[in-house]
C-alpha atoms as a PDB file:
ATOM      1  CA  UNK A   1       0.000   0.000   0.000  1.00  0.00           C
ATOM      2  CA  UNK A   2       2.859   2.366   0.741  1.00  0.00           C
ATOM      3  CA  UNK A   3       4.183   2.105  -2.808  1.00  0.00           C
ATOM      4  CA  UNK A   4       0.810   2.607  -4.481  1.00  0.00           C
ATOM      5  CA  UNK A   5      -0.273   5.495  -2.240  1.00  0.00           C
ATOM      6  CA  UNK A   6       3.089   7.311  -2.063  1.00  0.00           C
ATOM      7  CA  UNK A   7       2.558   7.879   1.640  1.00  0.00           C
ATOM      8  CA  UNK A   8       2.598   6.168   5.004  1.00  0.00           C
ATOM      9  CA  UNK A   9      -0.868   7.207   6.156  1.00  0.00           C
ATOM     10  CA  UNK A  10      -2.837   4.190   4.902  1.00  0.00           C
ATOM     11  CA  UNK A  11      -0.204   1.680   5.995  1.00  0.00           C
ATOM     12  CA  UNK A  12       0.093   3.193   9.482  1.00  0.00           C
ATOM     13  CA  UNK A  13      -3.683   3.513   9.814  1.00  0.00           C
ATOM     14  CA  UNK A  14      -4.224  -0.110   8.842  1.00  0.00           C
ATOM     15  CA  UNK A  15      -1.493  -1.265  11.233  1.00  0.00           C
ATOM     16  CA  UNK A  16      -2.928   0.800  14.095  1.00  0.00           C
ATOM     17  CA  UNK A  17      -6.487  -0.381  13.413  1.00  0.00           C
ATOM     18  CA  UNK A  18      -5.429  -4.014  13.269  1.00  0.00           C
ATOM     19  CA  UNK A  19      -3.518  -3.792  16.545  1.00  0.00           C
ATOM     20  CA  UNK A  20      -6.231  -1.776  18.305  1.00  0.00           C
ATOM     21  CA  UNK A  21      -9.014  -4.198  17.396  1.00  0.00           C
ATOM     22  CA  UNK A  22      -6.772  -7.137  18.245  1.00  0.00           C
ATOM     23  CA  UNK A  23      -5.976  -5.714  21.672  1.00  0.00           C
ATOM     24  CA  UNK A  24      -9.629  -4.993  22.438  1.00  0.00           C
ATOM     25  CA  UNK A  25     -10.978  -8.339  21.277  1.00  0.00           C
ATOM     26  CA  UNK A  26      -8.385 -10.970  22.121  1.00  0.00           C
ATOM     27  CA  UNK A  27      -5.349 -11.654  24.267  1.00  0.00           C
ATOM     28  CA  UNK A  28      -3.213 -14.696  25.043  1.00  0.00           C
ATOM     29  CA  UNK A  29      -0.447 -15.633  27.440  1.00  0.00           C
ATOM     30  CA  UNK A  30       2.133 -15.569  24.636  1.00  0.00           C
ATOM     31  CA  UNK A  31       1.309 -12.086  23.266  1.00  0.00           C
ATOM     32  CA  UNK A  32       3.359  -8.972  23.906  1.00  0.00           C
ATOM     33  CA  UNK A  33       0.420  -6.931  25.199  1.00  0.00           C
ATOM     34  CA  UNK A  34      -1.764  -8.801  27.651  1.00  0.00           C
ATOM     35  CA  UNK A  35      -4.898  -6.747  28.249  1.00  0.00           C
ATOM     36  CA  UNK A  36      -8.341  -7.186  29.763  1.00  0.00           C
ATOM     37  CA  UNK A  37      -9.904  -8.039  26.429  1.00  0.00           C
ATOM     38  CA  UNK A  38     -13.201  -9.669  25.525  1.00  0.00           C
ATOM     39  CA  UNK A  39     -11.721 -13.063  24.606  1.00  0.00           C
ATOM     40  CA  UNK A  40      -8.680 -15.000  25.819  1.00  0.00           C
ATOM     41  CA  UNK A  41      -6.929 -17.497  23.567  1.00  0.00           C
ATOM     42  CA  UNK A  42      -5.656 -20.446  25.615  1.00  0.00           C
ATOM     43  CA  UNK A  43      -4.097 -22.520  22.814  1.00  0.00           C
ATOM     44  CA  UNK A  44      -0.588 -22.521  21.434  1.00  0.00           C
ATOM     45  CA  UNK A  45       0.370 -19.961  18.768  1.00  0.00           C
ATOM     46  CA  UNK A  46      -0.326 -21.190  15.235  1.00  0.00           C
ATOM     47  CA  UNK A  47       1.567 -18.952  12.817  1.00  0.00           C
ATOM     48  CA  UNK A  48       0.360 -20.708   9.675  1.00  0.00           C
ATOM     49  CA  UNK A  49      -3.263 -20.068  10.640  1.00  0.00           C
ATOM     50  CA  UNK A  50      -2.458 -16.414  11.310  1.00  0.00           C
ATOM     51  CA  UNK A  51      -1.083 -16.077   7.782  1.00  0.00           C
ATOM     52  CA  UNK A  52      -4.003 -17.983   6.257  1.00  0.00           C
ATOM     53  CA  UNK A  53      -6.472 -15.553   7.818  1.00  0.00           C
ATOM     54  CA  UNK A  54      -4.515 -12.320   7.379  1.00  0.00           C
ATOM     55  CA  UNK A  55      -3.453 -12.619   3.734  1.00  0.00           C
ATOM     56  CA  UNK A  56      -7.002 -12.781   2.257  1.00  0.00           C
ATOM     57  CA  UNK A  57      -8.066  -9.864   4.453  1.00  0.00           C
ATOM     58  CA  UNK A  58      -5.118  -7.787   3.284  1.00  0.00           C
ATOM     59  CA  UNK A  59      -5.880  -8.610  -0.347  1.00  0.00           C
ATOM     60  CA  UNK A  60      -9.492  -7.493   0.134  1.00  0.00           C
ATOM     61  CA  UNK A  61      -8.326  -4.283   1.787  1.00  0.00           C
ATOM     62  CA  UNK A  62      -5.871  -3.646  -1.049  1.00  0.00           C
ATOM     63  CA  UNK A  63      -8.671  -4.095  -3.617  1.00  0.00           C
ATOM     64  CA  UNK A  64     -10.929  -1.758  -1.635  1.00  0.00           C
ATOM     65  CA  UNK A  65      -8.268   0.966  -1.414  1.00  0.00           C
ATOM     66  CA  UNK A  66      -7.368   0.593  -5.088  1.00  0.00           C
ATOM     67  CA  UNK A  67     -10.997   1.235  -6.054  1.00  0.00           C
ATOM     68  CA  UNK A  68     -11.478   4.064  -3.551  1.00  0.00           C
ATOM     69  CA  UNK A  69      -8.278   5.958  -4.415  1.00  0.00           C
ATOM     70  CA  UNK A  70      -8.200   5.029  -8.137  1.00  0.00           C
ATOM     71  CA  UNK A  71      -4.765   3.434  -8.093  1.00  0.00           C
ATOM     72  CA  UNK A  72      -3.594   2.757 -11.641  1.00  0.00           C
ATOM     73  CA  UNK A  73      -0.294   1.863 -13.316  1.00  0.00           C
ATOM     74  CA  UNK A  74       0.488  -0.989 -10.906  1.00  0.00           C
ATOM     75  CA  UNK A  75       3.273  -2.470 -13.034  1.00  0.00           C
ATOM     76  CA  UNK A  76       5.219   0.790 -13.258  1.00  0.00           C
ATOM     77  CA  UNK A  77       4.904   1.563  -9.543  1.00  0.00           C
ATOM     78  CA  UNK A  78       5.727  -1.930  -8.305  1.00  0.00           C
ATOM     79  CA  UNK A  79       8.309  -3.061 -10.865  1.00  0.00           C
ATOM     80  CA  UNK A  80       9.601   0.194 -12.375  1.00  0.00           C
ATOM     81  CA  UNK A  81      12.884   1.912 -11.702  1.00  0.00           C
ATOM     82  CA  UNK A  82      13.404   3.777  -8.449  1.00  0.00           C
ATOM     83  CA  UNK A  83      13.806   7.530  -8.807  1.00  0.00           C
END
């Protein structure tokens, strides 16, 4: 998102929103921030499941932002020369 938007605002906002909702809704003994959240995960960390759930959500968010902000010329921005 940073490359397509030419700014950090969307990337930082998405990161903050993800962490804020995660802190409010769920905590576990193995997390960095242990808060009084709504749910507590008592199982072991499963990194593959975290990736399986986060990648489709990030793709959907990328599609949403590309439509909202009219991002075009993907190939040039992602694979073009750095200036």
